[in-house]
Amino acid sequence: MPAAPPQVSRRVAKRYLLADEQVVVSTRWHWAKLVRPAAAVLIALFLTLWVAAAVTDPAAIGFALCVLAVVCAWAGWQVLEWRCEWFIATDRRLLKTYGLITQRVAMMPLVKVTDMSYDRTILGRLLGYGRFVMESAGQDQALSHIDYIPEPDEKYQAMCETIFGRDVRDPGEDEEAWEEPEERYARGQADDPTGPRSSITRSRGTSSRWEAVDRRDLPRDWDWVDDEARGGRAATRRRVAVDPDPTPLR
């Protein structure tokens, strides 16, 4: 059965997501993030009960109750912030929404992500959460470490497939340079691909553009191979000319 699409908060989807964006990962932080506030409340409650049982001074008991109230208020604030925090990965960017009163959104385009590591501590394995570490050229500190990700194995695979499984062509690169001869011929921008000028070679110099050539203009000892077989860029399926003796002439 196909996997169910990620569930996104309506508030987050309406405010921050574009209409044509496809959500890959959408999640709140794991409930393990609330372990520390819960532990603080339990410790404060224990100390308050101990003070109430061991001390008869009303001032000391009142002070202990005030400390317990402050700790409970802080823990409640942490829970409310946890409910407002979302991590979303789409087919275009990474988003992190956080903040209860002042809402903030951290964003990183996928094209800037150069590497993503995945860590799971012993406690993370027991409770079922992990941490993603993003690396990019202009790194956003809010998205450099994504902690407390629930079901991290599935989310890591989905994000890697989206980030590193896409076409990594530079946005400013000439699209026509990587089109098939048949596609350019259909628009009237290239010769008949079945004709004598259907072969393609890389132009000399620093340019990476492709140019149509006639085989009769090249030396007879040159070989014609598939660029994909030579380990070229993603699935070009072009016929390229290869000089059997690349030694520069003197």
C-alpha atoms as a PDB file:
ATOM      1  CA  MET A   1       0.000   0.000   0.000  1.00  0.00           C
ATOM      2  CA  PRO A   2       1.313   3.509  -0.766  1.00  0.00           C
ATOM      3  CA  ALA A   3       2.502   5.514   2.210  1.00  0.00           C
ATOM      4  CA  ALA A   4       0.114   8.128   3.558  1.00  0.00           C
ATOM      5  CA  PRO A   5       1.105  11.746   2.830  1.00  0.00           C
ATOM      6  CA  PRO A   6       2.615  13.651   5.785  1.00  0.00           C
ATOM      7  CA  GLN A   7       0.086  15.450   7.956  1.00  0.00           C
ATOM      8  CA  VAL A   8       0.621  19.194   8.140  1.00  0.00           C
ATOM      9  CA  SER A   9      -0.942  21.672  10.531  1.00  0.00           C
ATOM     10  CA  ARG A  10      -3.572  23.713   8.708  1.00  0.00           C
ATOM     11  CA  ARG A  11      -2.231  26.881  10.296  1.00  0.00           C
ATOM     12  CA  VAL A  12       1.306  26.163   9.115  1.00  0.00           C
ATOM     13  CA  ALA A  13       0.213  25.048   5.638  1.00  0.00           C
ATOM     14  CA  LYS A  14      -1.942  28.138   5.124  1.00  0.00           C
ATOM     15  CA  ARG A  15       0.689  30.618   6.317  1.00  0.00           C
ATOM     16  CA  TYR A  16       4.003  29.277   5.100  1.00  0.00           C
ATOM     17  CA  LEU A  17       3.592  26.676   2.328  1.00  0.00           C
ATOM     18  CA  LEU A  18       3.171  27.456  -1.351  1.00  0.00           C
ATOM     19  CA  ALA A  19       0.301  25.982  -3.319  1.00  0.00           C
ATOM     20  CA  ASP A  20       2.530  23.870  -5.583  1.00  0.00           C
ATOM     21  CA  GLU A  21       4.931  22.623  -2.884  1.00  0.00           C
ATOM     22  CA  GLN A  22       4.991  18.910  -2.171  1.00  0.00           C
ATOM     23  CA  VAL A  23       5.506  18.051   1.502  1.00  0.00           C
ATOM     24  CA  VAL A  24       8.011  15.246   2.062  1.00  0.00           C
ATOM     25  CA  VAL A  25       8.393  15.355   5.860  1.00  0.00           C
ATOM     26  CA  SER A  26       6.176  17.127   8.395  1.00  0.00           C
ATOM     27  CA  THR A  27       6.530  16.563  12.127  1.00  0.00           C
ATOM     28  CA  ARG A  28       6.599  18.040  15.583  1.00  0.00           C
ATOM     29  CA  TRP A  29       9.507  17.279  17.868  1.00  0.00           C
ATOM     30  CA  HIS A  30       9.466  13.973  19.717  1.00  0.00           C
ATOM     31  CA  TRP A  31       7.794  13.945  23.117  1.00  0.00           C
ATOM     32  CA  ALA A  32      11.235  13.212  24.615  1.00  0.00           C
ATOM     33  CA  LYS A  33      11.887  16.940  24.381  1.00  0.00           C
ATOM     34  CA  LEU A  34       9.404  17.351  27.249  1.00  0.00           C
ATOM     35  CA  VAL A  35      11.253  14.965  29.547  1.00  0.00           C
ATOM     36  CA  ARG A  36      13.355  17.774  31.036  1.00  0.00           C
ATOM     37  CA  PRO A  37      10.385  20.031  31.964  1.00  0.00           C
ATOM     38  CA  ALA A  38       8.513  17.036  33.376  1.00  0.00           C
ATOM     39  CA  ALA A  39      11.537  16.051  35.463  1.00  0.00           C
ATOM     40  CA  ALA A  40      11.852  19.622  36.763  1.00  0.00           C
ATOM     41  CA  VAL A  41       8.209  19.605  37.889  1.00  0.00           C
ATOM     42  CA  LEU A  42       8.623  16.271  39.668  1.00  0.00           C
ATOM     43  CA  ILE A  43      11.754  17.447  41.474  1.00  0.00           C
ATOM     44  CA  ALA A  44      10.109  20.718  42.515  1.00  0.00           C
ATOM     45  CA  LEU A  45       7.039  18.836  43.731  1.00  0.00           C
ATOM     46  CA  PHE A  46       9.163  16.425  45.752  1.00  0.00           C
ATOM     47  CA  LEU A  47      11.123  19.266  47.393  1.00  0.00           C
ATOM     48  CA  THR A  48       7.933  21.137  48.208  1.00  0.00           C
ATOM     49  CA  LEU A  49       6.404  18.114  49.894  1.00  0.00           C
ATOM     50  CA  TRP A  50       9.615  17.507  51.805  1.00  0.00           C
ATOM     51  CA  VAL A  51       9.736  21.108  53.025  1.00  0.00           C
ATOM     52  CA  ALA A  52       6.069  20.974  54.027  1.00  0.00           C
ATOM     53  CA  ALA A  53       6.680  17.784  56.025  1.00  0.00           C
ATOM     54  CA  ALA A  54       9.978  18.793  57.642  1.00  0.00           C
ATOM     55  CA  VAL A  55       9.490  22.513  58.325  1.00  0.00           C
ATOM     56  CA  THR A  56       6.741  24.200  60.296  1.00  0.00           C
ATOM     57  CA  ASP A  57       7.666  27.742  59.301  1.00  0.00           C
ATOM     58  CA  PRO A  58       4.877  29.147  57.070  1.00  0.00           C
ATOM     59  CA  ALA A  59       7.345  31.404  55.265  1.00  0.00           C
ATOM     60  CA  ALA A  60       9.509  28.468  54.173  1.00  0.00           C
ATOM     61  CA  ILE A  61       6.472  26.514  53.013  1.00  0.00           C
ATOM     62  CA  GLY A  62       5.201  29.555  51.116  1.00  0.00           C
ATOM     63  CA  PHE A  63       8.581  30.004  49.423  1.00  0.00           C
ATOM     64  CA  ALA A  64       8.595  26.326  48.384  1.00  0.00           C
ATOM     65  CA  LEU A  65       5.106  26.680  46.928  1.00  0.00           C
ATOM     66  CA  CYS A  66       6.201  29.761  44.956  1.00  0.00           C
ATOM     67  CA  VAL A  67       9.159  27.848  43.520  1.00  0.00           C
ATOM     68  CA  LEU A  68       6.836  24.995  42.547  1.00  0.00           C
ATOM     69  CA  ALA A  69       4.462  27.441  40.836  1.00  0.00           C
ATOM     70  CA  VAL A  70       7.309  29.019  38.854  1.00  0.00           C
ATOM     71  CA  VAL A  71       8.614  25.620  37.735  1.00  0.00           C
ATOM     72  CA  CYS A  72       5.112  24.497  36.704  1.00  0.00           C
ATOM     73  CA  ALA A  73       4.602  27.726  34.737  1.00  0.00           C
ATOM     74  CA  TRP A  74       7.943  27.252  32.977  1.00  0.00           C
ATOM     75  CA  ALA A  75       7.076  23.626  32.134  1.00  0.00           C
ATOM     76  CA  GLY A  76       3.669  24.681  30.790  1.00  0.00           C
ATOM     77  CA  TRP A  77       5.375  27.277  28.591  1.00  0.00           C
ATOM     78  CA  GLN A  78       7.696  24.579  27.220  1.00  0.00           C
ATOM     79  CA  VAL A  79       4.706  22.401  26.342  1.00  0.00           C
ATOM     80  CA  LEU A  80       2.964  25.257  24.523  1.00  0.00           C
ATOM     81  CA  GLU A  81       6.125  26.035  22.554  1.00  0.00           C
ATOM     82  CA  TRP A  82       6.476  22.349  21.678  1.00  0.00           C
ATOM     83  CA  ARG A  83       2.979  22.391  20.193  1.00  0.00           C
ATOM     84  CA  CYS A  84       3.862  25.413  18.039  1.00  0.00           C
ATOM     85  CA  GLU A  85       7.128  24.001  16.670  1.00  0.00           C
ATOM     86  CA  TRP A  86       7.109  22.198  13.318  1.00  0.00           C
ATOM     87  CA  PHE A  87       9.798  20.868  11.019  1.00  0.00           C
ATOM     88  CA  ILE A  88       8.761  20.553   7.368  1.00  0.00           C
ATOM     89  CA  ALA A  89      10.752  19.396   4.355  1.00  0.00           C
ATOM     90  CA  THR A  90       9.254  19.970   0.919  1.00  0.00           C
ATOM     91  CA  ASP A  91      10.541  19.336  -2.580  1.00  0.00           C
ATOM     92  CA  ARG A  92      11.968  22.898  -2.566  1.00  0.00           C
ATOM     93  CA  ARG A  93      13.112  23.860   0.930  1.00  0.00           C
ATOM     94  CA  LEU A  94      13.432  23.071   4.620  1.00  0.00           C
ATOM     95  CA  LEU A  95      11.230  24.935   7.105  1.00  0.00           C
ATOM     96  CA  LYS A  96      11.286  25.267  10.879  1.00  0.00           C
ATOM     97  CA  THR A  97       8.510  27.178  12.618  1.00  0.00           C
ATOM     98  CA  TYR A  98       8.919  28.044  16.285  1.00  0.00           C
ATOM     99  CA  GLY A  99       7.995  30.671  18.842  1.00  0.00           C
ATOM    100  CA  LEU A 100       4.810  31.077  20.876  1.00  0.00           C
ATOM    101  CA  ILE A 101       4.377  34.858  21.069  1.00  0.00           C
ATOM    102  CA  THR A 102       6.819  35.927  18.367  1.00  0.00           C
ATOM    103  CA  GLN A 103       6.497  33.320  15.663  1.00  0.00           C
ATOM    104  CA  ARG A 104       9.630  32.706  13.611  1.00  0.00           C
ATOM    105  CA  VAL A 105      10.257  30.754  10.440  1.00  0.00           C
ATOM    106  CA  ALA A 106      13.705  29.507   9.443  1.00  0.00           C
ATOM    107  CA  MET A 107      14.050  28.439   5.802  1.00  0.00           C
ATOM    108  CA  MET A 108      16.795  26.825   3.735  1.00  0.00           C
ATOM    109  CA  PRO A 109      16.484  26.000  -0.003  1.00  0.00           C
ATOM    110  CA  LEU A 110      17.336  22.419  -0.880  1.00  0.00           C
ATOM    111  CA  VAL A 111      19.905  23.568  -3.435  1.00  0.00           C
ATOM    112  CA  LYS A 112      22.045  24.909  -0.574  1.00  0.00           C
ATOM    113  CA  VAL A 113      22.155  21.629   1.347  1.00  0.00           C
ATOM    114  CA  THR A 114      25.540  20.028   0.686  1.00  0.00           C
ATOM    115  CA  ASP A 115      25.459  17.271   3.290  1.00  0.00           C
ATOM    116  CA  MET A 116      23.161  15.837   5.944  1.00  0.00           C
ATOM    117  CA  SER A 117      24.330  13.565   8.751  1.00  0.00           C
ATOM    118  CA  TYR A 118      22.108  11.492  11.007  1.00  0.00           C
ATOM    119  CA  ASP A 119      22.791  10.771  14.690  1.00  0.00           C
ATOM    120  CA  ARG A 120      20.986   8.551  17.194  1.00  0.00           C
ATOM    121  CA  THR A 121      22.098   8.301  20.788  1.00  0.00           C
ATOM    122  CA  ILE A 122      21.370   5.329  23.021  1.00  0.00           C
ATOM    123  CA  LEU A 123      18.441   7.199  24.576  1.00  0.00           C
ATOM    124  CA  GLY A 124      17.263   8.155  21.102  1.00  0.00           C
ATOM    125  CA  ARG A 125      17.229   4.499  20.051  1.00  0.00           C
ATOM    126  CA  LEU A 126      15.252   3.531  23.136  1.00  0.00           C
ATOM    127  CA  LEU A 127      12.681   6.303  22.814  1.00  0.00           C
ATOM    128  CA  GLY A 128      12.605   6.476  18.999  1.00  0.00           C
ATOM    129  CA  TYR A 129      14.055   9.820  17.943  1.00  0.00           C
ATOM    130  CA  GLY A 130      17.141  11.105  16.122  1.00  0.00           C
ATOM    131  CA  ARG A 131      19.007  14.237  15.069  1.00  0.00           C
ATOM    132  CA  PHE A 132      19.742  15.629  11.607  1.00  0.00           C
ATOM    133  CA  VAL A 133      22.783  17.861  11.048  1.00  0.00           C
ATOM    134  CA  MET A 134      22.610  20.030   7.926  1.00  0.00           C
ATOM    135  CA  GLU A 135      25.619  21.479   6.145  1.00  0.00           C
ATOM    136  CA  SER A 136      25.351  24.234   3.551  1.00  0.00           C
ATOM    137  CA  ALA A 137      27.351  27.064   2.027  1.00  0.00           C
ATOM    138  CA  GLY A 138      25.427  29.832   3.823  1.00  0.00           C
ATOM    139  CA  GLN A 139      24.346  27.855   6.852  1.00  0.00           C
ATOM    140  CA  ASP A 140      21.288  28.922   8.828  1.00  0.00           C
ATOM    141  CA  GLN A 141      21.974  28.281  12.520  1.00  0.00           C
ATOM    142  CA  ALA A 142      18.315  27.544  13.205  1.00  0.00           C
ATOM    143  CA  LEU A 143      18.444  24.673  10.718  1.00  0.00           C
ATOM    144  CA  SER A 144      21.975  23.438  11.331  1.00  0.00           C
ATOM    145  CA  HIS A 145      20.788  20.929  13.965  1.00  0.00           C
ATOM    146  CA  ILE A 146      17.324  19.374  13.922  1.00  0.00           C
ATOM    147  CA  ASP A 147      16.894  17.444  17.178  1.00  0.00           C
ATOM    148  CA  TYR A 148      14.172  15.139  18.490  1.00  0.00           C
ATOM    149  CA  ILE A 149      12.915  13.904  15.103  1.00  0.00           C
ATOM    150  CA  PRO A 150      10.413  11.047  15.605  1.00  0.00           C
ATOM    151  CA  GLU A 151      10.638   7.995  13.320  1.00  0.00           C
ATOM    152  CA  PRO A 152      14.007   9.240  12.063  1.00  0.00           C
ATOM    153  CA  ASP A 153      14.847   6.305   9.776  1.00  0.00           C
ATOM    154  CA  GLU A 154      11.876   6.834   7.443  1.00  0.00           C
ATOM    155  CA  LYS A 155      12.253  10.611   7.475  1.00  0.00           C
ATOM    156  CA  TYR A 156      15.989  10.413   6.781  1.00  0.00           C
ATOM    157  CA  GLN A 157      15.419   8.211   3.720  1.00  0.00           C
ATOM    158  CA  ALA A 158      12.653  10.466   2.401  1.00  0.00           C
ATOM    159  CA  MET A 159      14.768  13.611   2.829  1.00  0.00           C
ATOM    160  CA  CYS A 160      17.877  12.084   1.246  1.00  0.00           C
ATOM    161  CA  GLU A 161      15.855  10.938  -1.745  1.00  0.00           C
ATOM    162  CA  THR A 162      14.447  14.444  -2.160  1.00  0.00           C
ATOM    163  CA  ILE A 163      17.656  16.403  -1.516  1.00  0.00           C
ATOM    164  CA  PHE A 164      20.258  14.241  -3.228  1.00  0.00           C
ATOM    165  CA  GLY A 165      18.129  12.239  -5.653  1.00  0.00           C
ATOM    166  CA  ARG A 166      17.008  15.208  -7.727  1.00  0.00           C
ATOM    167  CA  ASP A 167      18.646  16.777 -10.778  1.00  0.00           C
ATOM    168  CA  VAL A 168      21.611  18.701  -9.343  1.00  0.00           C
ATOM    169  CA  ARG A 169      22.076  20.933 -12.390  1.00  0.00           C
ATOM    170  CA  ASP A 170      23.001  24.494 -11.482  1.00  0.00           C
ATOM    171  CA  PRO A 171      20.017  26.888 -11.727  1.00  0.00           C
ATOM    172  CA  GLY A 172      21.950  29.238 -14.044  1.00  0.00           C
ATOM    173  CA  GLU A 173      23.155  26.545 -16.399  1.00  0.00           C
ATOM    174  CA  ASP A 174      22.043  26.605 -20.016  1.00  0.00           C
ATOM    175  CA  GLU A 175      19.110  24.206 -20.316  1.00  0.00           C
ATOM    176  CA  GLU A 176      19.493  23.781 -24.061  1.00  0.00           C
ATOM    177  CA  ALA A 177      23.031  22.499 -23.623  1.00  0.00           C
ATOM    178  CA  TRP A 178      21.635  19.309 -22.040  1.00  0.00           C
ATOM    179  CA  GLU A 179      18.605  18.748 -24.248  1.00  0.00           C
ATOM    180  CA  GLU A 180      18.359  15.814 -26.614  1.00  0.00           C
ATOM    181  CA  PRO A 181      18.908  16.555 -30.323  1.00  0.00           C
ATOM    182  CA  GLU A 182      15.404  15.221 -31.028  1.00  0.00           C
ATOM    183  CA  GLU A 183      13.873  17.742 -28.617  1.00  0.00           C
ATOM    184  CA  ARG A 184      15.717  20.673 -30.169  1.00  0.00           C
ATOM    185  CA  TYR A 185      14.885  19.464 -33.687  1.00  0.00           C
ATOM    186  CA  ALA A 186      11.178  19.297 -32.770  1.00  0.00           C
ATOM    187  CA  ARG A 187      11.294  23.019 -31.910  1.00  0.00           C
ATOM    188  CA  GLY A 188      13.230  23.847 -35.060  1.00  0.00           C
ATOM    189  CA  GLN A 189      16.427  24.756 -33.175  1.00  0.00           C
ATOM    190  CA  ALA A 190      18.643  21.922 -34.431  1.00  0.00           C
ATOM    191  CA  ASP A 191      19.347  19.895 -37.558  1.00  0.00           C
ATOM    192  CA  ASP A 192      17.639  16.608 -38.312  1.00  0.00           C
ATOM    193  CA  PRO A 193      18.979  14.141 -35.672  1.00  0.00           C
ATOM    194  CA  THR A 194      19.069  11.427 -38.318  1.00  0.00           C
ATOM    195  CA  GLY A 195      21.287  13.510 -40.612  1.00  0.00           C
ATOM    196  CA  PRO A 196      25.080  13.688 -40.812  1.00  0.00           C
ATOM    197  CA  ARG A 197      25.255  16.499 -38.213  1.00  0.00           C
ATOM    198  CA  SER A 198      23.458  14.547 -35.472  1.00  0.00           C
ATOM    199  CA  SER A 199      26.618  13.760 -33.554  1.00  0.00           C
ATOM    200  CA  ILE A 200      27.656  16.002 -30.687  1.00  0.00           C
ATOM    201  CA  THR A 201      30.991  16.888 -29.200  1.00  0.00           C
ATOM    202  CA  ARG A 202      32.198  19.172 -26.447  1.00  0.00           C
ATOM    203  CA  SER A 203      33.716  22.413 -27.633  1.00  0.00           C
ATOM    204  CA  ARG A 204      37.359  23.083 -26.791  1.00  0.00           C
ATOM    205  CA  GLY A 205      38.356  25.671 -24.200  1.00  0.00           C
ATOM    206  CA  THR A 206      36.721  26.411 -20.854  1.00  0.00           C
ATOM    207  CA  SER A 207      33.139  26.377 -22.131  1.00  0.00           C
ATOM    208  CA  SER A 208      30.958  23.378 -21.297  1.00  0.00           C
ATOM    209  CA  ARG A 209      28.435  23.888 -24.099  1.00  0.00           C
ATOM    210  CA  TRP A 210      27.703  21.192 -26.659  1.00  0.00           C
ATOM    211  CA  GLU A 211      28.031  21.835 -30.358  1.00  0.00           C
ATOM    212  CA  ALA A 212      26.752  19.857 -33.319  1.00  0.00           C
ATOM    213  CA  VAL A 213      29.517  18.785 -35.717  1.00  0.00           C
ATOM    214  CA  ASP A 214      29.900  16.815 -38.887  1.00  0.00           C
ATOM    215  CA  ARG A 215      31.837  13.583 -38.489  1.00  0.00           C
ATOM    216  CA  ARG A 216      33.686  14.309 -41.704  1.00  0.00           C
ATOM    217  CA  ASP A 217      35.261  17.371 -40.027  1.00  0.00           C
ATOM    218  CA  LEU A 218      36.986  15.254 -37.356  1.00  0.00           C
ATOM    219  CA  PRO A 219      40.006  12.926 -37.601  1.00  0.00           C
ATOM    220  CA  ARG A 220      39.162   9.361 -38.571  1.00  0.00           C
ATOM    221  CA  ASP A 221      40.873   7.847 -35.525  1.00  0.00           C
ATOM    222  CA  TRP A 222      38.474   9.553 -33.098  1.00  0.00           C
ATOM    223  CA  ASP A 223      36.024   7.217 -31.310  1.00  0.00           C
ATOM    224  CA  TRP A 224      32.328   7.887 -30.823  1.00  0.00           C
ATOM    225  CA  VAL A 225      30.902   6.685 -27.496  1.00  0.00           C
ATOM    226  CA  ASP A 226      27.864   7.316 -25.285  1.00  0.00           C
ATOM    227  CA  ASP A 227      28.533  10.099 -22.782  1.00  0.00           C
ATOM    228  CA  GLU A 228      26.547   8.197 -20.142  1.00  0.00           C
ATOM    229  CA  ALA A 229      28.940   5.243 -20.463  1.00  0.00           C
ATOM    230  CA  ARG A 230      31.900   7.578 -19.862  1.00  0.00           C
ATOM    231  CA  GLY A 231      30.483   8.594 -16.464  1.00  0.00           C
ATOM    232  CA  GLY A 232      29.165  11.908 -17.730  1.00  0.00           C
ATOM    233  CA  ARG A 233      26.383  13.947 -16.188  1.00  0.00           C
ATOM    234  CA  ALA A 234      22.967  12.511 -15.483  1.00  0.00           C
ATOM    235  CA  ALA A 235      21.716  10.370 -18.399  1.00  0.00           C
ATOM    236  CA  THR A 236      22.602  12.609 -21.326  1.00  0.00           C
ATOM    237  CA  ARG A 237      22.592   9.721 -23.859  1.00  0.00           C
ATOM    238  CA  ARG A 238      24.661  11.735 -26.343  1.00  0.00           C
ATOM    239  CA  ARG A 239      27.221  10.631 -28.876  1.00  0.00           C
ATOM    240  CA  VAL A 240      30.481  12.390 -28.139  1.00  0.00           C
ATOM    241  CA  ALA A 241      33.815  12.497 -29.907  1.00  0.00           C
ATOM    242  CA  VAL A 242      36.812  11.270 -27.935  1.00  0.00           C
ATOM    243  CA  ASP A 243      40.380  12.053 -28.941  1.00  0.00           C
ATOM    244  CA  PRO A 244      42.372   8.777 -28.658  1.00  0.00           C
ATOM    245  CA  ASP A 245      45.559  10.778 -27.972  1.00  0.00           C
ATOM    246  CA  PRO A 246      44.716  13.677 -25.601  1.00  0.00           C
ATOM    247  CA  THR A 247      48.381  14.750 -25.396  1.00  0.00           C
ATOM    248  CA  PRO A 248      48.479  18.475 -26.320  1.00  0.00           C
ATOM    249  CA  LEU A 249      50.344  19.361 -29.446  1.00  0.00           C
ATOM    250  CA  ARG A 250      53.687  21.151 -29.101  1.00  0.00           C
END
